[in-house]
Amino acid sequence: MSIFAAAVSRTKSGWTASELDLSGLADIDEVVDALRDAEPDADLALLFVESDDEYLAILRLDEGEDLRVFASDSAFAEESRIGSVLLGEVETPALGLDDLAARDDDEERPAAEPDADPIGDADLLGDLGVSAQRLLALCGMEGMLPSDVTAEICQKIGCGDEMEELREA
């Protein structure tokens, strides 16, 4: 599987982005340590993990603690060792796409991927301006690759330029 993992961290001086190599990490604690080490002074650190233009996992670490995890599809844990490391302890289904349809808001509705099974904390970016509904809609939108979802989220939260520079490096 092709994996791209980017740590995006916010400090008092702004956002930074760096690529992380997850291949040698054995468990979620090692992933959290690597995320923490990417920018030790970060008040907020996000890890975007994209796999084979199919799966997206987002990890959030506040003040170096309080891990929150979301994935676009639980199948990532079954089909990849990295997915299993990242999502092995996540059992909570995210708000379902059916739950989105029941909500009365102006968020864009997904052209739902019928087999997708998002798991984890879909509201992990809510305080940054990306609601659970928006995150699920982006992940379920036909034609959206994980890299497209990551780019849109990063633009919205203010680190789009840093992510773009990282991808171009």
Protein backbone atom coordinates (compact mmCIF):
# COMPACT_ATOMS: atom_id res chain seq x y z
CA MET A 1 0.00 0.00 0.00
CA SER A 2 1.12 3.51 -0.77
CA ILE A 3 1.00 5.69 2.35
CA PHE A 4 1.46 9.45 2.72
CA ALA A 5 1.55 10.76 6.29
CA ALA A 6 1.82 14.46 7.07
CA ALA A 7 2.06 16.04 10.50
CA VAL A 8 0.61 19.54 10.65
CA SER A 9 1.34 21.41 13.87
CA ARG A 10 0.24 24.78 15.22
CA THR A 11 2.52 26.75 17.51
CA LYS A 12 2.48 30.35 18.69
CA SER A 13 4.37 31.30 15.52
CA GLY A 14 1.98 29.54 13.12
CA TRP A 15 1.60 26.27 11.26
CA THR A 16 4.32 23.83 10.18
CA ALA A 17 4.01 20.67 8.12
CA SER A 18 6.35 17.70 7.84
CA GLU A 19 6.13 14.23 6.40
CA LEU A 20 6.26 11.30 8.83
CA ASP A 21 7.47 7.80 8.07
CA LEU A 22 5.10 5.42 9.81
CA SER A 23 6.53 2.20 8.37
CA GLY A 24 8.59 1.19 11.41
CA LEU A 25 6.06 2.15 14.07
CA ALA A 26 4.56 -0.77 15.95
CA ASP A 27 1.62 0.73 17.82
CA ILE A 28 -0.49 3.86 18.31
CA ASP A 29 1.75 5.04 21.17
CA GLU A 30 4.75 5.16 18.82
CA VAL A 31 2.67 7.06 16.25
CA VAL A 32 1.64 9.58 18.93
CA ASP A 33 5.29 9.95 20.00
CA ALA A 34 6.33 10.60 16.38
CA LEU A 35 3.55 13.17 16.00
CA ARG A 36 4.55 14.83 19.26
CA ASP A 37 8.24 14.86 18.21
CA ALA A 38 7.43 16.49 14.84
CA GLU A 39 6.84 19.80 16.65
CA PRO A 40 7.36 19.49 20.44
CA ASP A 41 6.03 23.00 21.17
CA ALA A 42 2.75 22.52 19.29
CA ASP A 43 -0.49 23.31 21.05
CA LEU A 44 -2.25 21.33 18.32
CA ALA A 45 -0.90 18.56 16.09
CA LEU A 46 -2.78 16.79 13.31
CA LEU A 47 -1.67 13.74 11.39
CA PHE A 48 -3.21 13.13 7.97
CA VAL A 49 -2.62 9.60 6.69
CA GLU A 50 -3.66 8.88 3.11
CA SER A 51 -3.56 5.35 1.73
CA ASP A 52 -3.78 4.28 -1.90
CA ASP A 53 -6.13 7.09 -2.95
CA GLU A 54 -8.77 5.21 -0.97
CA TYR A 55 -8.52 5.80 2.77
CA LEU A 56 -7.94 8.80 5.01
CA ALA A 57 -7.19 8.77 8.71
CA ILE A 58 -6.84 11.92 10.82
CA LEU A 59 -5.29 11.95 14.28
CA ARG A 60 -5.48 14.97 16.55
CA LEU A 61 -3.31 15.65 19.55
CA ASP A 62 -4.00 18.67 21.78
CA GLU A 63 -1.16 19.94 24.00
CA GLY A 64 0.70 16.68 23.35
CA GLU A 65 -2.12 14.68 24.98
CA ASP A 66 -5.78 13.80 24.37
CA LEU A 67 -5.62 11.72 21.17
CA ARG A 68 -8.67 11.77 18.90
CA VAL A 69 -8.93 9.63 15.77
CA PHE A 70 -11.15 9.58 12.67
CA ALA A 71 -11.02 7.40 9.55
CA SER A 72 -12.99 7.59 6.34
CA ASP A 73 -13.50 3.82 6.30
CA SER A 74 -13.00 1.08 8.88
CA ALA A 75 -11.71 -1.19 6.08
CA PHE A 76 -8.38 0.67 6.30
CA ALA A 77 -7.68 -1.19 9.57
CA GLU A 78 -8.38 -4.53 7.91
CA GLU A 79 -6.44 -3.94 4.70
CA SER A 80 -3.25 -2.34 5.99
CA ARG A 81 -0.78 -2.81 8.83
CA ILE A 82 -0.56 0.99 9.21
CA GLY A 83 -4.36 1.19 9.21
CA SER A 84 -4.48 -1.45 11.91
CA VAL A 85 -1.92 0.46 14.01
CA LEU A 86 -3.84 3.73 13.64
CA LEU A 87 -7.36 2.39 14.03
CA GLY A 88 -6.96 -0.82 16.01
CA GLU A 89 -8.45 0.67 19.17
CA VAL A 90 -11.18 2.74 17.47
CA GLU A 91 -14.54 1.04 17.74
CA THR A 92 -16.94 3.95 17.67
CA PRO A 93 -18.71 4.43 14.35
CA ALA A 94 -18.69 8.00 13.14
CA LEU A 95 -22.01 9.68 12.43
CA GLY A 96 -23.41 7.69 9.57
CA LEU A 97 -24.19 9.11 6.19
CA ASP A 98 -27.83 8.40 7.00
CA ASP A 99 -27.49 10.64 10.06
CA LEU A 100 -26.29 13.42 7.77
CA ALA A 101 -29.35 13.17 5.58
CA ALA A 102 -31.54 13.58 8.65
CA ARG A 103 -29.84 16.84 9.64
CA ASP A 104 -31.37 20.12 8.55
CA ASP A 105 -28.41 22.27 7.54
CA ASP A 106 -26.82 23.80 4.47
CA GLU A 107 -23.79 21.51 4.40
CA GLU A 108 -23.05 19.86 1.09
CA ARG A 109 -24.52 16.37 0.95
CA PRO A 110 -22.27 13.49 -0.06
CA ALA A 111 -22.87 11.37 -3.09
CA ALA A 112 -22.33 8.59 -0.61
CA GLU A 113 -19.87 5.79 -1.09
CA PRO A 114 -22.26 2.99 -0.17
CA ASP A 115 -19.59 0.68 1.26
CA ALA A 116 -17.77 3.33 3.32
CA ASP A 117 -17.90 2.88 7.06
CA PRO A 118 -16.40 5.99 8.71
CA ILE A 119 -15.23 5.42 12.27
CA GLY A 120 -13.97 7.47 15.18
CA ASP A 121 -14.49 11.08 16.18
CA ALA A 122 -15.89 12.88 13.13
CA ASP A 123 -16.08 16.11 15.15
CA LEU A 124 -12.33 16.23 15.87
CA LEU A 125 -11.96 19.33 13.66
CA GLY A 126 -15.20 21.04 14.70
CA ASP A 127 -13.52 23.79 16.70
CA LEU A 128 -11.27 24.51 13.69
CA GLY A 129 -14.21 25.16 11.36
CA VAL A 130 -14.72 21.70 9.84
CA SER A 131 -17.88 20.21 11.31
CA ALA A 132 -18.47 16.48 11.60
CA GLN A 133 -21.09 16.80 8.89
CA ARG A 134 -18.67 18.56 6.55
CA LEU A 135 -15.88 16.04 7.20
CA LEU A 136 -18.20 13.11 6.49
CA ALA A 137 -19.56 14.86 3.41
CA LEU A 138 -16.04 15.41 2.06
CA CYS A 139 -15.08 11.79 2.70
CA GLY A 140 -18.24 10.52 1.04
CA MET A 141 -18.20 12.81 -1.98
CA GLU A 142 -17.85 10.99 -5.26
CA GLY A 143 -14.53 11.70 -6.96
CA MET A 144 -12.83 13.12 -3.86
CA LEU A 145 -9.48 11.47 -3.17
CA PRO A 146 -8.02 11.47 0.35
CA SER A 147 -5.46 14.05 -0.83
CA ASP A 148 -8.34 16.31 -1.99
CA VAL A 149 -10.04 15.99 1.39
CA THR A 150 -6.77 16.75 3.20
CA ALA A 151 -6.14 19.79 0.98
CA GLU A 152 -9.62 21.18 1.55
CA ILE A 153 -9.42 20.67 5.32
CA CYS A 154 -5.98 22.28 5.50
CA GLN A 155 -7.18 25.27 3.48
CA LYS A 156 -10.14 25.70 5.82
CA ILE A 157 -8.11 25.50 9.05
CA GLY A 158 -5.32 27.78 7.82
CA CYS A 159 -2.43 25.48 6.95
CA GLY A 160 -3.14 24.92 3.25
CA ASP A 161 0.05 26.64 2.07
CA GLU A 162 2.20 24.56 4.41
CA MET A 163 0.61 21.32 3.21
CA GLU A 164 0.95 22.33 -0.42
CA GLU A 165 4.66 23.16 0.07
CA LEU A 166 5.18 19.77 1.74
CA ARG A 167 3.58 17.91 -1.17
CA GLU A 168 5.68 19.83 -3.69
CA ALA A 169 8.97 19.18 -1.85
